[in-house]
C-alpha atoms as a PDB file:
ATOM      1  CA  UNK A   1     144.766 428.205 238.641  1.00  0.00           C
ATOM      2  CA  UNK A   2     143.636 432.231 238.176  1.00  0.00           C
ATOM      3  CA  UNK A   3     144.694 434.054 241.849  1.00  0.00           C
ATOM      4  CA  UNK A   4     143.490 437.277 241.011  1.00  0.00           C
ATOM      5  CA  UNK A   5     139.410 436.959 242.042  1.00  0.00           C
ATOM      6  CA  UNK A   6     141.031 436.084 245.112  1.00  0.00           C
ATOM      7  CA  UNK A   7     143.868 437.976 245.593  1.00  0.00           C
ATOM      8  CA  UNK A   8     141.121 441.436 244.390  1.00  0.00           C
ATOM      9  CA  UNK A   9     138.535 440.120 247.045  1.00  0.00           C
ATOM     10  CA  UNK A  10     141.017 439.484 249.469  1.00  0.00           C
ATOM     11  CA  UNK A  11     142.168 442.800 249.132  1.00  0.00           C
ATOM     12  CA  UNK A  12     138.939 444.275 249.611  1.00  0.00           C
ATOM     13  CA  UNK A  13     138.430 442.744 252.425  1.00  0.00           C
ATOM     14  CA  UNK A  14     141.755 444.054 254.018  1.00  0.00           C
ATOM     15  CA  UNK A  15     140.343 447.311 253.185  1.00  0.00           C
ATOM     16  CA  UNK A  16     136.900 447.305 254.343  1.00  0.00           C
ATOM     17  CA  UNK A  17     137.972 445.514 257.939  1.00  0.00           C
ATOM     18  CA  UNK A  18     141.289 448.158 257.987  1.00  0.00           C
ATOM     19  CA  UNK A  19     139.052 451.135 257.315  1.00  0.00           C
ATOM     20  CA  UNK A  20     136.490 451.000 259.510  1.00  0.00           C
ATOM     21  CA  UNK A  21     138.740 449.614 262.251  1.00  0.00           C
ATOM     22  CA  UNK A  22     140.585 452.787 261.967  1.00  0.00           C
ATOM     23  CA  UNK A  23     137.539 454.759 261.521  1.00  0.00           C
ATOM     24  CA  UNK A  24     136.410 453.810 264.971  1.00  0.00           C
ATOM     25  CA  UNK A  25     139.781 454.022 266.865  1.00  0.00           C
ATOM     26  CA  UNK A  26     140.195 457.271 265.468  1.00  0.00           C
ATOM     27  CA  UNK A  27     136.980 458.274 267.050  1.00  0.00           C
ATOM     28  CA  UNK A  28     136.508 456.769 269.639  1.00  0.00           C
ATOM     29  CA  UNK A  29     139.613 459.236 269.962  1.00  0.00           C
ATOM     30  CA  UNK A  30     138.181 461.727 269.600  1.00  0.00           C
ATOM     31  CA  UNK A  31     134.649 461.660 271.797  1.00  0.00           C
ATOM     32  CA  UNK A  32     137.102 460.392 274.424  1.00  0.00           C
ATOM     33  CA  UNK A  33     138.777 462.876 274.517  1.00  0.00           C
ATOM     34  CA  UNK A  34     135.780 465.114 274.692  1.00  0.00           C
ATOM     35  CA  UNK A  35     134.560 463.746 277.426  1.00  0.00           C
ATOM     36  CA  UNK A  36     137.751 463.709 279.673  1.00  0.00           C
ATOM     37  CA  UNK A  37     137.870 467.429 279.141  1.00  0.00           C
ATOM     38  CA  UNK A  38     134.422 467.643 279.984  1.00  0.00           C
ATOM     39  CA  UNK A  39     134.051 465.506 282.720  1.00  0.00           C
ATOM     40  CA  UNK A  40     137.125 467.942 283.906  1.00  0.00           C
ATOM     41  CA  UNK A  41     133.995 470.870 284.314  1.00  0.00           C
ATOM     42  CA  UNK A  42     131.094 468.640 284.852  1.00  0.00           C
ATOM     43  CA  UNK A  43     132.105 464.880 286.288  1.00  0.00           C
ATOM     44  CA  UNK A  44     128.259 464.084 286.517  1.00  0.00           C
ATOM     45  CA  UNK A  45     127.851 463.732 282.752  1.00  0.00           C
ATOM     46  CA  UNK A  46     130.303 460.709 282.197  1.00  0.00           C
ATOM     47  CA  UNK A  47     127.703 457.725 281.777  1.00  0.00           C
ATOM     48  CA  UNK A  48     125.975 459.842 278.873  1.00  0.00           C
ATOM     49  CA  UNK A  49     129.203 460.913 277.564  1.00  0.00           C
ATOM     50  CA  UNK A  50     130.486 457.508 277.512  1.00  0.00           C
ATOM     51  CA  UNK A  51     127.361 456.247 275.776  1.00  0.00           C
ATOM     52  CA  UNK A  52     128.318 459.038 272.951  1.00  0.00           C
ATOM     53  CA  UNK A  53     132.163 458.579 273.054  1.00  0.00           C
ATOM     54  CA  UNK A  54     131.138 454.297 272.023  1.00  0.00           C
ATOM     55  CA  UNK A  55     129.070 455.582 269.036  1.00  0.00           C
ATOM     56  CA  UNK A  56     132.028 455.533 266.591  1.00  0.00           C
ATOM     57  CA  UNK A  57     132.560 451.944 267.551  1.00  0.00           C
ATOM     58  CA  UNK A  58     130.427 450.221 265.695  1.00  0.00           C
ATOM     59  CA  UNK A  59     131.370 450.793 262.220  1.00  0.00           C
ATOM     60  CA  UNK A  60     134.537 448.859 263.397  1.00  0.00           C
ATOM     61  CA  UNK A  61     132.111 446.206 264.096  1.00  0.00           C
ATOM     62  CA  UNK A  62     130.001 446.096 261.377  1.00  0.00           C
ATOM     63  CA  UNK A  63     133.571 445.623 259.666  1.00  0.00           C
ATOM     64  CA  UNK A  64     134.741 443.403 261.137  1.00  0.00           C
ATOM     65  CA  UNK A  65     131.281 441.410 260.717  1.00  0.00           C
ATOM     66  CA  UNK A  66     131.719 442.111 256.302  1.00  0.00           C
ATOM     67  CA  UNK A  67     134.595 441.218 256.556  1.00  0.00           C
ATOM     68  CA  UNK A  68     133.699 437.756 258.610  1.00  0.00           C
ATOM     69  CA  UNK A  69     130.786 436.870 256.427  1.00  0.00           C
ATOM     70  CA  UNK A  70     132.893 437.401 253.119  1.00  0.00           C
ATOM     71  CA  UNK A  71     135.747 435.357 254.347  1.00  0.00           C
ATOM     72  CA  UNK A  72     133.398 432.216 255.170  1.00  0.00           C
ATOM     73  CA  UNK A  73     131.957 432.886 251.393  1.00  0.00           C
ATOM     74  CA  UNK A  74     135.133 432.907 249.869  1.00  0.00           C
ATOM     75  CA  UNK A  75     136.383 430.412 251.340  1.00  0.00           C
ATOM     76  CA  UNK A  76     133.543 427.703 250.328  1.00  0.00           C
ATOM     77  CA  UNK A  77     134.180 429.019 247.060  1.00  0.00           C
ATOM     78  CA  UNK A  78     137.699 428.806 247.080  1.00  0.00           C
ATOM     79  CA  UNK A  79     139.222 428.480 242.972  1.00  0.00           C
ATOM     80  CA  UNK A  80     136.097 428.850 241.596  1.00  0.00           C
ATOM     81  CA  UNK A  81     135.499 432.196 242.904  1.00  0.00           C
ATOM     82  CA  UNK A  82     135.268 433.729 239.486  1.00  0.00           C
ATOM     83  CA  UNK A  83     136.861 437.499 238.165  1.00  0.00           C
ATOM     84  CA  UNK A  84     133.439 439.325 238.667  1.00  0.00           C
ATOM     85  CA  UNK A  85     133.196 437.860 242.109  1.00  0.00           C
ATOM     86  CA  UNK A  86     135.963 439.295 243.360  1.00  0.00           C
ATOM     87  CA  UNK A  87     136.007 442.407 241.614  1.00  0.00           C
ATOM     88  CA  UNK A  88     132.580 442.420 243.666  1.00  0.00           C
ATOM     89  CA  UNK A  89     133.848 441.715 247.011  1.00  0.00           C
ATOM     90  CA  UNK A  90     136.936 444.368 245.769  1.00  0.00           C
ATOM     91  CA  UNK A  91     134.376 447.560 245.362  1.00  0.00           C
ATOM     92  CA  UNK A  92     132.468 446.230 248.416  1.00  0.00           C
ATOM     93  CA  UNK A  93     135.527 446.825 250.377  1.00  0.00           C
ATOM     94  CA  UNK A  94     136.639 449.585 249.085  1.00  0.00           C
ATOM     95  CA  UNK A  95     133.037 451.451 250.361  1.00  0.00           C
ATOM     96  CA  UNK A  96     132.656 449.324 253.522  1.00  0.00           C
ATOM     97  CA  UNK A  97     135.952 450.375 254.287  1.00  0.00           C
ATOM     98  CA  UNK A  98     135.865 454.182 253.333  1.00  0.00           C
ATOM     99  CA  UNK A  99     132.254 454.606 254.455  1.00  0.00           C
ATOM    100  CA  UNK A 100     133.141 452.720 257.791  1.00  0.00           C
ATOM    101  CA  UNK A 101     136.360 455.652 257.754  1.00  0.00           C
ATOM    102  CA  UNK A 102     134.407 458.779 256.939  1.00  0.00           C
ATOM    103  CA  UNK A 103     131.050 457.671 259.321  1.00  0.00           C
ATOM    104  CA  UNK A 104     132.525 457.431 262.522  1.00  0.00           C
ATOM    105  CA  UNK A 105     135.389 460.240 262.259  1.00  0.00           C
ATOM    106  CA  UNK A 106     132.014 462.649 260.994  1.00  0.00           C
ATOM    107  CA  UNK A 107     129.903 460.825 264.009  1.00  0.00           C
ATOM    108  CA  UNK A 108     132.954 461.791 266.489  1.00  0.00           C
ATOM    109  CA  UNK A 109     132.216 464.946 265.835  1.00  0.00           C
ATOM    110  CA  UNK A 110     129.002 465.627 266.138  1.00  0.00           C
ATOM    111  CA  UNK A 111     129.476 462.898 269.427  1.00  0.00           C
ATOM    112  CA  UNK A 112     132.399 465.536 270.749  1.00  0.00           C
ATOM    113  CA  UNK A 113     130.373 468.507 270.400  1.00  0.00           C
ATOM    114  CA  UNK A 114     127.460 467.081 272.262  1.00  0.00           C
ATOM    115  CA  UNK A 115     129.582 466.036 274.909  1.00  0.00           C
ATOM    116  CA  UNK A 116     131.320 469.913 274.977  1.00  0.00           C
ATOM    117  CA  UNK A 117     127.806 471.758 275.089  1.00  0.00           C
ATOM    118  CA  UNK A 118     126.422 468.573 277.666  1.00  0.00           C
ATOM    119  CA  UNK A 119     129.317 469.953 280.028  1.00  0.00           C
ATOM    120  CA  UNK A 120     128.557 472.924 279.711  1.00  0.00           C
ATOM    121  CA  UNK A 121     125.145 472.121 281.084  1.00  0.00           C
ATOM    122  CA  UNK A 122     122.510 471.726 278.433  1.00  0.00           C
ATOM    123  CA  UNK A 123     120.795 469.340 278.251  1.00  0.00           C
ATOM    124  CA  UNK A 124     121.588 468.033 274.603  1.00  0.00           C
ATOM    125  CA  UNK A 125     122.410 464.193 275.443  1.00  0.00           C
ATOM    126  CA  UNK A 126     119.058 463.026 273.317  1.00  0.00           C
ATOM    127  CA  UNK A 127     119.935 465.400 270.657  1.00  0.00           C
ATOM    128  CA  UNK A 128     122.870 464.492 270.380  1.00  0.00           C
ATOM    129  CA  UNK A 129     122.617 461.207 270.210  1.00  0.00           C
ATOM    130  CA  UNK A 130     119.960 461.482 267.195  1.00  0.00           C
ATOM    131  CA  UNK A 131     121.871 463.557 265.230  1.00  0.00           C
ATOM    132  CA  UNK A 132     124.851 460.569 265.784  1.00  0.00           C
ATOM    133  CA  UNK A 133     122.524 457.897 264.638  1.00  0.00           C
ATOM    134  CA  UNK A 134     122.805 460.418 260.523  1.00  0.00           C
ATOM    135  CA  UNK A 135     126.218 459.737 259.921  1.00  0.00           C
ATOM    136  CA  UNK A 136     125.765 455.916 261.398  1.00  0.00           C
ATOM    137  CA  UNK A 137     122.832 454.991 258.519  1.00  0.00           C
ATOM    138  CA  UNK A 138     125.395 455.060 256.128  1.00  0.00           C
ATOM    139  CA  UNK A 139     127.784 452.744 257.685  1.00  0.00           C
ATOM    140  CA  UNK A 140     124.618 450.164 257.842  1.00  0.00           C
ATOM    141  CA  UNK A 141     124.079 450.912 254.257  1.00  0.00           C
ATOM    142  CA  UNK A 142     127.592 449.926 253.422  1.00  0.00           C
ATOM    143  CA  UNK A 143     127.201 446.833 256.031  1.00  0.00           C
ATOM    144  CA  UNK A 144     124.633 446.081 253.829  1.00  0.00           C
ATOM    145  CA  UNK A 145     126.295 446.328 250.060  1.00  0.00           C
ATOM    146  CA  UNK A 146     128.067 443.753 251.960  1.00  0.00           C
ATOM    147  CA  UNK A 147     125.423 441.019 251.574  1.00  0.00           C
ATOM    148  CA  UNK A 148     124.330 442.377 248.383  1.00  0.00           C
ATOM    149  CA  UNK A 149     127.393 441.721 247.061  1.00  0.00           C
ATOM    150  CA  UNK A 150     129.075 438.486 248.758  1.00  0.00           C
ATOM    151  CA  UNK A 151     130.083 435.870 246.941  1.00  0.00           C
ATOM    152  CA  UNK A 152     127.251 432.145 246.439  1.00  0.00           C
END
């Protein structure tokens, strides 16, 4: 029994879940800190700022969903998982993890800047929301790659 494919797949899955979750945690804290500071100046922006603060949380959800789907696929295959399949899960795990980590942090930076400007009285919620969606696109692409490389 060759366990190397399973080990590689599980390492990749741990990375996809862990790094995307870390990115989401860091991102929501960054945007949340901006919200708390901004509400000292302008408490009426809380609803809009809360929406912007929640945006970086989606990368963690993508990482969890990709983990869960790959776990099911690997569970069905068990020892029949090939080395190529194990390497594919490892590779998309790295991709999902790092893209989730970085895109959540960068998305939070955009959101935090918008929140600060909203507290200064500028009406930039819509613009900030649009700009914050750009890093999200890459997290969605990384999530989609997990489907393409999922063992069957």
